[in-house]
Amino acid sequence: MTLTYVTKINKKPTYFIEKIWKSIKDNEITIELAKASKNNFFNWEFYGKAAPKIHTIREDKKDRWKPGQKIHNKIWTARPYHSPTFQFTPILKCISLMVVN
């Protein structure tokens, strides 16, 4: 399954790529990270100060997410739902879920 992110919320940078990378492989450069940096999706200065992002909050109306499921993290290259996405991590696995009613 794919999780998509935006680079800005209310015209302010989200730094989602930096935060997610900080939680995965601190100080390790991969192909995805190099591409993100080349495409100006990655801020090295913020990465040094970033706190890890190890969770995300999403509505799951169709009950599709399960522990162990593969996760493809993608960022919109321009406008959400109107532009291509860019995968910025290796494929990860969902570890757990929290259901809130």
PDB file of N, CA and C in Angstrom:
ATOM      1  N   MET A   1       0.849  -1.179   0.000  1.00  0.00           N
ATOM      2  CA  MET A   1       0.000   0.000   0.000  1.00  0.00           C
ATOM      3  C   MET A   1       0.889   1.235   0.000  1.00  0.00           C
ATOM      4  N   THR A   2       0.332   2.293  -0.478  1.00  0.00           N
ATOM      5  CA  THR A   2       1.089   3.526  -0.604  1.00  0.00           C
ATOM      6  C   THR A   2       0.619   4.562   0.402  1.00  0.00           C
ATOM      7  N   LEU A   3       1.569   5.171   1.090  1.00  0.00           N
ATOM      8  CA  LEU A   3       1.304   6.337   1.921  1.00  0.00           C
ATOM      9  C   LEU A   3       1.866   7.538   1.176  1.00  0.00           C
ATOM     10  N   THR A   4       1.067   8.560   0.995  1.00  0.00           N
ATOM     11  CA  THR A   4       1.549   9.752   0.313  1.00  0.00           C
ATOM     12  C   THR A   4       1.609  10.914   1.297  1.00  0.00           C
ATOM     13  N   TYR A   5       2.531  11.803   1.042  1.00  0.00           N
ATOM     14  CA  TYR A   5       2.765  12.962   1.892  1.00  0.00           C
ATOM     15  C   TYR A   5       2.867  14.199   1.018  1.00  0.00           C
ATOM     16  N   VAL A   6       2.696  15.358   1.618  1.00  0.00           N
ATOM     17  CA  VAL A   6       2.887  16.627   0.919  1.00  0.00           C
ATOM     18  C   VAL A   6       4.135  17.301   1.480  1.00  0.00           C
ATOM     19  N   THR A   7       4.720  18.192   0.712  1.00  0.00           N
ATOM     20  CA  THR A   7       5.920  18.885   1.172  1.00  0.00           C
ATOM     21  C   THR A   7       5.598  20.130   1.982  1.00  0.00           C
ATOM     22  N   LYS A   8       4.352  20.644   1.832  1.00  0.00           N
ATOM     23  CA  LYS A   8       3.962  21.842   2.583  1.00  0.00           C
ATOM     24  C   LYS A   8       2.530  21.712   3.091  1.00  0.00           C
ATOM     25  N   ILE A   9       2.304  22.251   4.274  1.00  0.00           N
ATOM     26  CA  ILE A   9       0.960  22.386   4.829  1.00  0.00           C
ATOM     27  C   ILE A   9       0.832  23.839   5.261  1.00  0.00           C
ATOM     28  N   ASN A  10      -0.218  24.500   4.815  1.00  0.00           N
ATOM     29  CA  ASN A  10      -0.409  25.934   5.072  1.00  0.00           C
ATOM     30  C   ASN A  10       0.827  26.744   4.668  1.00  0.00           C
ATOM     31  N   LYS A  11       1.398  26.384   3.526  1.00  0.00           N
ATOM     32  CA  LYS A  11       2.554  27.067   2.928  1.00  0.00           C
ATOM     33  C   LYS A  11       3.838  26.938   3.741  1.00  0.00           C
ATOM     34  N   LYS A  12       3.853  26.049   4.740  1.00  0.00           N
ATOM     35  CA  LYS A  12       5.056  25.822   5.535  1.00  0.00           C
ATOM     36  C   LYS A  12       5.579  24.420   5.246  1.00  0.00           C
ATOM     37  N   PRO A  13       6.908  24.259   5.184  1.00  0.00           N
ATOM     38  CA  PRO A  13       7.458  22.929   4.890  1.00  0.00           C
ATOM     39  C   PRO A  13       7.130  21.921   5.992  1.00  0.00           C
ATOM     40  N   THR A  14       6.851  20.691   5.580  1.00  0.00           N
ATOM     41  CA  THR A  14       6.527  19.625   6.539  1.00  0.00           C
ATOM     42  C   THR A  14       7.764  18.869   6.999  1.00  0.00           C
ATOM     43  N   TYR A  15       8.786  18.810   6.157  1.00  0.00           N
ATOM     44  CA  TYR A  15      10.008  18.047   6.430  1.00  0.00           C
ATOM     45  C   TYR A  15       9.701  16.571   6.696  1.00  0.00           C
ATOM     46  N   PHE A  16       8.642  16.048   6.087  1.00  0.00           N
ATOM     47  CA  PHE A  16       8.289  14.640   6.294  1.00  0.00           C
ATOM     48  C   PHE A  16       9.407  13.705   5.842  1.00  0.00           C
ATOM     49  N   ILE A  17      10.019  13.992   4.705  1.00  0.00           N
ATOM     50  CA  ILE A  17      11.091  13.119   4.220  1.00  0.00           C
ATOM     51  C   ILE A  17      12.218  13.055   5.248  1.00  0.00           C
ATOM     52  N   GLU A  18      12.656  14.210   5.721  1.00  0.00           N
ATOM     53  CA  GLU A  18      13.756  14.252   6.678  1.00  0.00           C
ATOM     54  C   GLU A  18      13.404  13.508   7.966  1.00  0.00           C
ATOM     55  N   LYS A  19      12.183  13.706   8.462  1.00  0.00           N
ATOM     56  CA  LYS A  19      11.762  13.069   9.711  1.00  0.00           C
ATOM     57  C   LYS A  19      11.642  11.549   9.554  1.00  0.00           C
ATOM     58  N   ILE A  20      11.101  11.113   8.447  1.00  0.00           N
ATOM     59  CA  ILE A  20      10.945   9.674   8.221  1.00  0.00           C
ATOM     60  C   ILE A  20      12.311   9.035   8.030  1.00  0.00           C
ATOM     61  N   TRP A  21      13.191   9.683   7.268  1.00  0.00           N
ATOM     62  CA  TRP A  21      14.536   9.135   7.093  1.00  0.00           C
ATOM     63  C   TRP A  21      15.290   9.073   8.406  1.00  0.00           C
ATOM     64  N   LYS A  22      15.087  10.053   9.255  1.00  0.00           N
ATOM     65  CA  LYS A  22      15.770  10.062  10.553  1.00  0.00           C
ATOM     66  C   LYS A  22      15.356   8.845  11.384  1.00  0.00           C
ATOM     67  N   SER A  23      14.128   8.404  11.217  1.00  0.00           N
ATOM     68  CA  SER A  23      13.656   7.248  11.980  1.00  0.00           C
ATOM     69  C   SER A  23      14.073   5.924  11.356  1.00  0.00           C
ATOM     70  N   ILE A  24      14.478   5.923  10.093  1.00  0.00           N
ATOM     71  CA  ILE A  24      14.820   4.674   9.411  1.00  0.00           C
ATOM     72  C   ILE A  24      16.306   4.375   9.501  1.00  0.00           C
ATOM     73  N   LYS A  25      17.114   5.255   8.948  1.00  0.00           N
ATOM     74  CA  LYS A  25      18.541   4.967   8.835  1.00  0.00           C
ATOM     75  C   LYS A  25      19.330   6.244   9.044  1.00  0.00           C
ATOM     76  N   ASP A  26      19.558   6.599  10.265  1.00  0.00           N
ATOM     77  CA  ASP A  26      20.306   7.815  10.558  1.00  0.00           C
ATOM     78  C   ASP A  26      21.696   7.745   9.934  1.00  0.00           C
ATOM     79  N   ASN A  27      22.045   8.772   9.191  1.00  0.00           N
ATOM     80  CA  ASN A  27      23.364   8.932   8.572  1.00  0.00           C
ATOM     81  C   ASN A  27      23.692   7.891   7.507  1.00  0.00           C
ATOM     82  N   GLU A  28      22.709   7.201   6.943  1.00  0.00           N
ATOM     83  CA  GLU A  28      22.985   6.258   5.867  1.00  0.00           C
ATOM     84  C   GLU A  28      22.338   6.763   4.588  1.00  0.00           C
ATOM     85  N   ILE A  29      23.130   6.908   3.532  1.00  0.00           N
ATOM     86  CA  ILE A  29      22.608   7.411   2.262  1.00  0.00           C
ATOM     87  C   ILE A  29      22.224   6.237   1.377  1.00  0.00           C
ATOM     88  N   THR A  30      21.052   6.298   0.797  1.00  0.00           N
ATOM     89  CA  THR A  30      20.579   5.268  -0.115  1.00  0.00           C
ATOM     90  C   THR A  30      20.238   5.912  -1.445  1.00  0.00           C
ATOM     91  N   ILE A  31      19.883   5.099  -2.405  1.00  0.00           N
ATOM     92  CA  ILE A  31      19.504   5.615  -3.726  1.00  0.00           C
ATOM     93  C   ILE A  31      18.326   6.567  -3.611  1.00  0.00           C
ATOM     94  N   GLU A  32      17.309   6.193  -2.825  1.00  0.00           N
ATOM     95  CA  GLU A  32      16.122   7.050  -2.692  1.00  0.00           C
ATOM     96  C   GLU A  32      16.476   8.401  -2.085  1.00  0.00           C
ATOM     97  N   LEU A  33      17.344   8.386  -1.074  1.00  0.00           N
ATOM     98  CA  LEU A  33      17.740   9.628  -0.426  1.00  0.00           C
ATOM     99  C   LEU A  33      18.535  10.507  -1.385  1.00  0.00           C
ATOM    100  N   ALA A  34      19.424   9.902  -2.146  1.00  0.00           N
ATOM    101  CA  ALA A  34      20.202  10.664  -3.133  1.00  0.00           C
ATOM    102  C   ALA A  34      19.284  11.298  -4.173  1.00  0.00           C
ATOM    103  N   LYS A  35      18.286  10.545  -4.638  1.00  0.00           N
ATOM    104  CA  LYS A  35      17.342  11.101  -5.618  1.00  0.00           C
ATOM    105  C   LYS A  35      16.530  12.231  -5.009  1.00  0.00           C
ATOM    106  N   ALA A  36      16.107  12.064  -3.763  1.00  0.00           N
ATOM    107  CA  ALA A  36      15.327  13.104  -3.088  1.00  0.00           C
ATOM    108  C   ALA A  36      16.150  14.376  -2.965  1.00  0.00           C
ATOM    109  N   SER A  37      17.408  14.228  -2.629  1.00  0.00           N
ATOM    110  CA  SER A  37      18.293  15.378  -2.499  1.00  0.00           C
ATOM    111  C   SER A  37      18.489  16.056  -3.850  1.00  0.00           C
ATOM    112  N   LYS A  38      18.715  15.268  -4.880  1.00  0.00           N
ATOM    113  CA  LYS A  38      18.909  15.806  -6.227  1.00  0.00           C
ATOM    114  C   LYS A  38      17.681  16.570  -6.715  1.00  0.00           C
ATOM    115  N   ASN A  39      16.493  16.082  -6.362  1.00  0.00           N
ATOM    116  CA  ASN A  39      15.246  16.708  -6.809  1.00  0.00           C
ATOM    117  C   ASN A  39      14.744  17.786  -5.856  1.00  0.00           C
ATOM    118  N   ASN A  40      15.602  18.209  -4.943  1.00  0.00           N
ATOM    119  CA  ASN A  40      15.259  19.259  -3.977  1.00  0.00           C
ATOM    120  C   ASN A  40      14.077  18.892  -3.078  1.00  0.00           C
ATOM    121  N   PHE A  41      13.910  17.592  -2.796  1.00  0.00           N
ATOM    122  CA  PHE A  41      12.885  17.157  -1.857  1.00  0.00           C
ATOM    123  C   PHE A  41      13.469  16.964  -0.465  1.00  0.00           C
ATOM    124  N   PHE A  42      14.758  17.191  -0.306  1.00  0.00           N
ATOM    125  CA  PHE A  42      15.432  16.852   0.939  1.00  0.00           C
ATOM    126  C   PHE A  42      16.246  18.039   1.417  1.00  0.00           C
ATOM    127  N   ASN A  43      16.159  18.369   2.701  1.00  0.00           N
ATOM    128  CA  ASN A  43      16.868  19.496   3.274  1.00  0.00           C
ATOM    129  C   ASN A  43      17.907  18.966   4.258  1.00  0.00           C
ATOM    130  N   TRP A  44      19.177  18.967   3.851  1.00  0.00           N
ATOM    131  CA  TRP A  44      20.247  18.422   4.695  1.00  0.00           C
ATOM    132  C   TRP A  44      20.375  19.175   6.006  1.00  0.00           C
ATOM    133  N   GLU A  45      20.178  20.481   5.969  1.00  0.00           N
ATOM    134  CA  GLU A  45      20.314  21.269   7.195  1.00  0.00           C
ATOM    135  C   GLU A  45      19.266  20.850   8.225  1.00  0.00           C
ATOM    136  N   PHE A  46      18.018  20.690   7.793  1.00  0.00           N
ATOM    137  CA  PHE A  46      16.972  20.276   8.721  1.00  0.00           C
ATOM    138  C   PHE A  46      17.176  18.836   9.183  1.00  0.00           C
ATOM    139  N   TYR A  47      17.693  17.980   8.294  1.00  0.00           N
ATOM    140  CA  TYR A  47      17.904  16.572   8.641  1.00  0.00           C
ATOM    141  C   TYR A  47      18.752  16.423   9.900  1.00  0.00           C
ATOM    142  N   GLY A  48      19.755  17.274  10.055  1.00  0.00           N
ATOM    143  CA  GLY A  48      20.604  17.216  11.240  1.00  0.00           C
ATOM    144  C   GLY A  48      19.856  17.497  12.524  1.00  0.00           C
ATOM    145  N   LYS A  49      18.773  18.273  12.433  1.00  0.00           N
ATOM    146  CA  LYS A  49      17.991  18.654  13.617  1.00  0.00           C
ATOM    147  C   LYS A  49      16.679  17.874  13.741  1.00  0.00           C
ATOM    148  N   ALA A  50      16.364  17.068  12.750  1.00  0.00           N
ATOM    149  CA  ALA A  50      15.054  16.408  12.679  1.00  0.00           C
ATOM    150  C   ALA A  50      14.838  15.405  13.808  1.00  0.00           C
ATOM    151  N   ALA A  51      13.626  15.411  14.332  1.00  0.00           N
ATOM    152  CA  ALA A  51      13.209  14.362  15.265  1.00  0.00           C
ATOM    153  C   ALA A  51      12.591  13.247  14.428  1.00  0.00           C
ATOM    154  N   PRO A  52      12.813  11.999  14.799  1.00  0.00           N
ATOM    155  CA  PRO A  52      12.263  10.893  14.013  1.00  0.00           C
ATOM    156  C   PRO A  52      10.733  10.921  13.939  1.00  0.00           C
ATOM    157  N   LYS A  53      10.210  10.560  12.787  1.00  0.00           N
ATOM    158  CA  LYS A  53       8.758  10.399  12.600  1.00  0.00           C
ATOM    159  C   LYS A  53       8.530   8.902  12.425  1.00  0.00           C
ATOM    160  N   ILE A  54       7.996   8.268  13.453  1.00  0.00           N
ATOM    161  CA  ILE A  54       7.848   6.814  13.425  1.00  0.00           C
ATOM    162  C   ILE A  54       6.401   6.367  13.292  1.00  0.00           C
ATOM    163  N   HIS A  55       5.500   7.323  13.108  1.00  0.00           N
ATOM    164  CA  HIS A  55       4.089   6.971  12.974  1.00  0.00           C
ATOM    165  C   HIS A  55       3.405   7.963  12.037  1.00  0.00           C
ATOM    166  N   THR A  56       2.231   7.592  11.606  1.00  0.00           N
ATOM    167  CA  THR A  56       1.408   8.509  10.836  1.00  0.00           C
ATOM    168  C   THR A  56      -0.039   8.244  11.224  1.00  0.00           C
ATOM    169  N   ILE A  57      -0.845   9.251  11.127  1.00  0.00           N
ATOM    170  CA  ILE A  57      -2.262   9.119  11.474  1.00  0.00           C
ATOM    171  C   ILE A  57      -3.045   9.180  10.172  1.00  0.00           C
ATOM    172  N   ARG A  58      -3.782   8.127   9.904  1.00  0.00           N
ATOM    173  CA  ARG A  58      -4.561   8.037   8.674  1.00  0.00           C
ATOM    174  C   ARG A  58      -5.920   7.415   8.965  1.00  0.00           C
ATOM    175  N   GLU A  59      -6.922   7.863   8.241  1.00  0.00           N
ATOM    176  CA  GLU A  59      -8.223   7.220   8.307  1.00  0.00           C
ATOM    177  C   GLU A  59      -8.172   5.976   7.424  1.00  0.00           C
ATOM    178  N   ASP A  60      -8.738   4.883   7.902  1.00  0.00           N
ATOM    179  CA  ASP A  60      -8.731   3.617   7.158  1.00  0.00           C
ATOM    180  C   ASP A  60     -10.167   3.104   7.066  1.00  0.00           C
ATOM    181  N   LYS A  61     -10.975   3.779   6.263  1.00  0.00           N
ATOM    182  CA  LYS A  61     -12.399   3.454   6.155  1.00  0.00           C
ATOM    183  C   LYS A  61     -12.655   2.033   5.681  1.00  0.00           C
ATOM    184  N   LYS A  62     -11.743   1.498   4.865  1.00  0.00           N
ATOM    185  CA  LYS A  62     -11.970   0.172   4.287  1.00  0.00           C
ATOM    186  C   LYS A  62     -11.185  -0.931   5.008  1.00  0.00           C
ATOM    187  N   ASP A  63     -10.594  -0.595   6.157  1.00  0.00           N
ATOM    188  CA  ASP A  63      -9.883  -1.581   6.971  1.00  0.00           C
ATOM    189  C   ASP A  63      -8.837  -2.340   6.148  1.00  0.00           C
ATOM    190  N   ARG A  64      -8.020  -1.597   5.402  1.00  0.00           N
ATOM    191  CA  ARG A  64      -7.033  -2.219   4.516  1.00  0.00           C
ATOM    192  C   ARG A  64      -5.675  -2.437   5.170  1.00  0.00           C
ATOM    193  N   TRP A  65      -5.338  -1.659   6.185  1.00  0.00           N
ATOM    194  CA  TRP A  65      -4.008  -1.755   6.780  1.00  0.00           C
ATOM    195  C   TRP A  65      -3.933  -2.888   7.792  1.00  0.00           C
ATOM    196  N   LYS A  66      -2.843  -3.645   7.711  1.00  0.00           N
ATOM    197  CA  LYS A  66      -2.595  -4.778   8.612  1.00  0.00           C
ATOM    198  C   LYS A  66      -1.112  -4.790   8.976  1.00  0.00           C
ATOM    199  N   PRO A  67      -0.753  -5.232  10.198  1.00  0.00           N
ATOM    200  CA  PRO A  67       0.668  -5.388  10.527  1.00  0.00           C
ATOM    201  C   PRO A  67       1.346  -6.337   9.537  1.00  0.00           C
ATOM    202  N   GLY A  68       2.556  -5.986   9.152  1.00  0.00           N
ATOM    203  CA  GLY A  68       3.311  -6.790   8.193  1.00  0.00           C
ATOM    204  C   GLY A  68       3.126  -6.352   6.754  1.00  0.00           C
ATOM    205  N   GLN A  69       2.144  -5.502   6.511  1.00  0.00           N
ATOM    206  CA  GLN A  69       1.870  -5.035   5.147  1.00  0.00           C
ATOM    207  C   GLN A  69       2.992  -4.127   4.652  1.00  0.00           C
ATOM    208  N   LYS A  70       3.321  -4.222   3.381  1.00  0.00           N
ATOM    209  CA  LYS A  70       4.373  -3.390   2.795  1.00  0.00           C
ATOM    210  C   LYS A  70       3.886  -1.953   2.645  1.00  0.00           C
ATOM    211  N   ILE A  71       4.793  -1.021   2.924  1.00  0.00           N
ATOM    212  CA  ILE A  71       4.491   0.404   2.830  1.00  0.00           C
ATOM    213  C   ILE A  71       5.406   1.049   1.804  1.00  0.00           C
ATOM    214  N   HIS A  72       4.814   1.757   0.862  1.00  0.00           N
ATOM    215  CA  HIS A  72       5.554   2.542  -0.114  1.00  0.00           C
ATOM    216  C   HIS A  72       5.338   4.007   0.267  1.00  0.00           C
ATOM    217  N   ASN A  73       6.383   4.683   0.748  1.00  0.00           N
ATOM    218  CA  ASN A  73       6.280   6.089   1.139  1.00  0.00           C
ATOM    219  C   ASN A  73       6.554   6.964  -0.071  1.00  0.00           C
ATOM    220  N   LYS A  74       5.579   7.805  -0.410  1.00  0.00           N
ATOM    221  CA  LYS A  74       5.719   8.663  -1.593  1.00  0.00           C
ATOM    222  C   LYS A  74       5.362  10.101  -1.239  1.00  0.00           C
ATOM    223  N   ILE A  75       6.010  10.997  -1.940  1.00  0.00           N
ATOM    224  CA  ILE A  75       5.733  12.419  -1.764  1.00  0.00           C
ATOM    225  C   ILE A  75       5.205  12.957  -3.088  1.00  0.00           C
ATOM    226  N   TRP A  76       4.241  13.855  -3.028  1.00  0.00           N
ATOM    227  CA  TRP A  76       3.732  14.479  -4.254  1.00  0.00           C
ATOM    228  C   TRP A  76       4.804  15.392  -4.809  1.00  0.00           C
ATOM    229  N   THR A  77       5.047  15.348  -6.102  1.00  0.00           N
ATOM    230  CA  THR A  77       6.065  16.205  -6.703  1.00  0.00           C
ATOM    231  C   THR A  77       5.578  17.634  -6.912  1.00  0.00           C
ATOM    232  N   ALA A  78       4.285  17.839  -6.915  1.00  0.00           N
ATOM    233  CA  ALA A  78       3.739  19.197  -7.050  1.00  0.00           C
ATOM    234  C   ALA A  78       2.448  19.266  -6.239  1.00  0.00           C
ATOM    235  N   ARG A  79       1.316  19.227  -6.917  1.00  0.00           N
ATOM    236  CA  ARG A  79       0.034  19.339  -6.218  1.00  0.00           C
ATOM    237  C   ARG A  79      -0.507  17.954  -5.863  1.00  0.00           C
ATOM    238  N   PRO A  80      -0.997  17.769  -4.636  1.00  0.00           N
ATOM    239  CA  PRO A  80      -1.586  16.481  -4.263  1.00  0.00           C
ATOM    240  C   PRO A  80      -2.698  16.064  -5.223  1.00  0.00           C
ATOM    241  N   TYR A  81      -2.695  14.799  -5.593  1.00  0.00           N
ATOM    242  CA  TYR A  81      -3.687  14.178  -6.469  1.00  0.00           C
ATOM    243  C   TYR A  81      -3.638  14.682  -7.905  1.00  0.00           C
ATOM    244  N   HIS A  82      -2.763  15.636  -8.219  1.00  0.00           N
ATOM    245  CA  HIS A  82      -2.687  16.185  -9.568  1.00  0.00           C
ATOM    246  C   HIS A  82      -1.274  16.136 -10.139  1.00  0.00           C
ATOM    247  N   SER A  83      -0.390  15.391  -9.491  1.00  0.00           N
ATOM    248  CA  SER A  83       0.988  15.318  -9.976  1.00  0.00           C
ATOM    249  C   SER A  83       1.560  13.938  -9.671  1.00  0.00           C
ATOM    250  N   PRO A  84       2.654  13.606 -10.322  1.00  0.00           N
ATOM    251  CA  PRO A  84       3.294  12.324 -10.030  1.00  0.00           C
ATOM    252  C   PRO A  84       3.804  12.282  -8.590  1.00  0.00           C
ATOM    253  N   THR A  85       4.041  11.077  -8.095  1.00  0.00           N
ATOM    254  CA  THR A  85       4.628  10.914  -6.772  1.00  0.00           C
ATOM    255  C   THR A  85       6.059  10.416  -6.914  1.00  0.00           C
ATOM    256  N   PHE A  86       6.813  10.561  -5.848  1.00  0.00           N
ATOM    257  CA  PHE A  86       8.209  10.149  -5.807  1.00  0.00           C
ATOM    258  C   PHE A  86       8.401   9.274  -4.578  1.00  0.00           C
ATOM    259  N   GLN A  87       8.838   8.034  -4.754  1.00  0.00           N
ATOM    260  CA  GLN A  87       9.049   7.145  -3.610  1.00  0.00           C
ATOM    261  C   GLN A  87      10.380   7.497  -2.964  1.00  0.00           C
ATOM    262  N   PHE A  88      10.346   7.863  -1.678  1.00  0.00           N
ATOM    263  CA  PHE A  88      11.557   8.366  -1.035  1.00  0.00           C
ATOM    264  C   PHE A  88      12.132   7.452   0.038  1.00  0.00           C
ATOM    265  N   THR A  89      11.594   6.252   0.190  1.00  0.00           N
ATOM    266  CA  THR A  89      12.191   5.271   1.102  1.00  0.00           C
ATOM    267  C   THR A  89      12.202   3.916   0.428  1.00  0.00           C
ATOM    268  N   PRO A  90      13.011   3.006   0.950  1.00  0.00           N
ATOM    269  CA  PRO A  90      12.839   1.627   0.509  1.00  0.00           C
ATOM    270  C   PRO A  90      11.454   1.162   0.961  1.00  0.00           C
ATOM    271  N   ILE A  91      11.001   0.028   0.485  1.00  0.00           N
ATOM    272  CA  ILE A  91       9.713  -0.506   0.932  1.00  0.00           C
ATOM    273  C   ILE A  91       9.859  -0.915   2.396  1.00  0.00           C
ATOM    274  N   LEU A  92       8.950  -0.438   3.224  1.00  0.00           N
ATOM    275  CA  LEU A  92       8.962  -0.725   4.663  1.00  0.00           C
ATOM    276  C   LEU A  92       7.793  -1.633   5.011  1.00  0.00           C
ATOM    277  N   LYS A  93       7.711  -2.052   6.263  1.00  0.00           N
ATOM    278  CA  LYS A  93       6.581  -2.876   6.709  1.00  0.00           C
ATOM    279  C   LYS A  93       5.839  -2.185   7.833  1.00  0.00           C
ATOM    280  N   CYS A  94       4.519  -2.280   7.799  1.00  0.00           N
ATOM    281  CA  CYS A  94       3.674  -1.789   8.870  1.00  0.00           C
ATOM    282  C   CYS A  94       3.938  -2.655  10.103  1.00  0.00           C
ATOM    283  N   ILE A  95       4.226  -2.024  11.227  1.00  0.00           N
ATOM    284  CA  ILE A  95       4.527  -2.772  12.442  1.00  0.00           C
ATOM    285  C   ILE A  95       3.272  -2.998  13.278  1.00  0.00           C
ATOM    286  N   SER A  96       2.476  -1.963  13.461  1.00  0.00           N
ATOM    287  CA  SER A  96       1.273  -2.116  14.282  1.00  0.00           C
ATOM    288  C   SER A  96       0.258  -1.038  13.917  1.00  0.00           C
ATOM    289  N   LEU A  97      -0.943  -1.203  14.413  1.00  0.00           N
ATOM    290  CA  LEU A  97      -2.027  -0.247  14.187  1.00  0.00           C
ATOM    291  C   LEU A  97      -2.668   0.125  15.512  1.00  0.00           C
ATOM    292  N   MET A  98      -3.227   1.318  15.541  1.00  0.00           N
ATOM    293  CA  MET A  98      -4.019   1.727  16.689  1.00  0.00           C
ATOM    294  C   MET A  98      -5.396   2.123  16.136  1.00  0.00           C
ATOM    295  N   VAL A  99      -6.415   1.508  16.629  1.00  0.00           N
ATOM    296  CA  VAL A  99      -7.759   1.802  16.149  1.00  0.00           C
ATOM    297  C   VAL A  99      -8.415   2.748  17.148  1.00  0.00           C
ATOM    298  N   VAL A 100      -8.935   3.851  16.637  1.00  0.00           N
ATOM    299  CA  VAL A 100      -9.612   4.827  17.466  1.00  0.00           C
ATOM    300  C   VAL A 100     -11.044   4.939  16.985  1.00  0.00           C
ATOM    301  N   ASN A 101     -11.963   4.782  17.867  1.00  0.00           N
ATOM    302  CA  ASN A 101     -13.393   4.876  17.504  1.00  0.00           C
ATOM    303  C   ASN A 101     -13.972   6.191  17.938  1.00  0.00           C
TER     304      ASN A 101
END
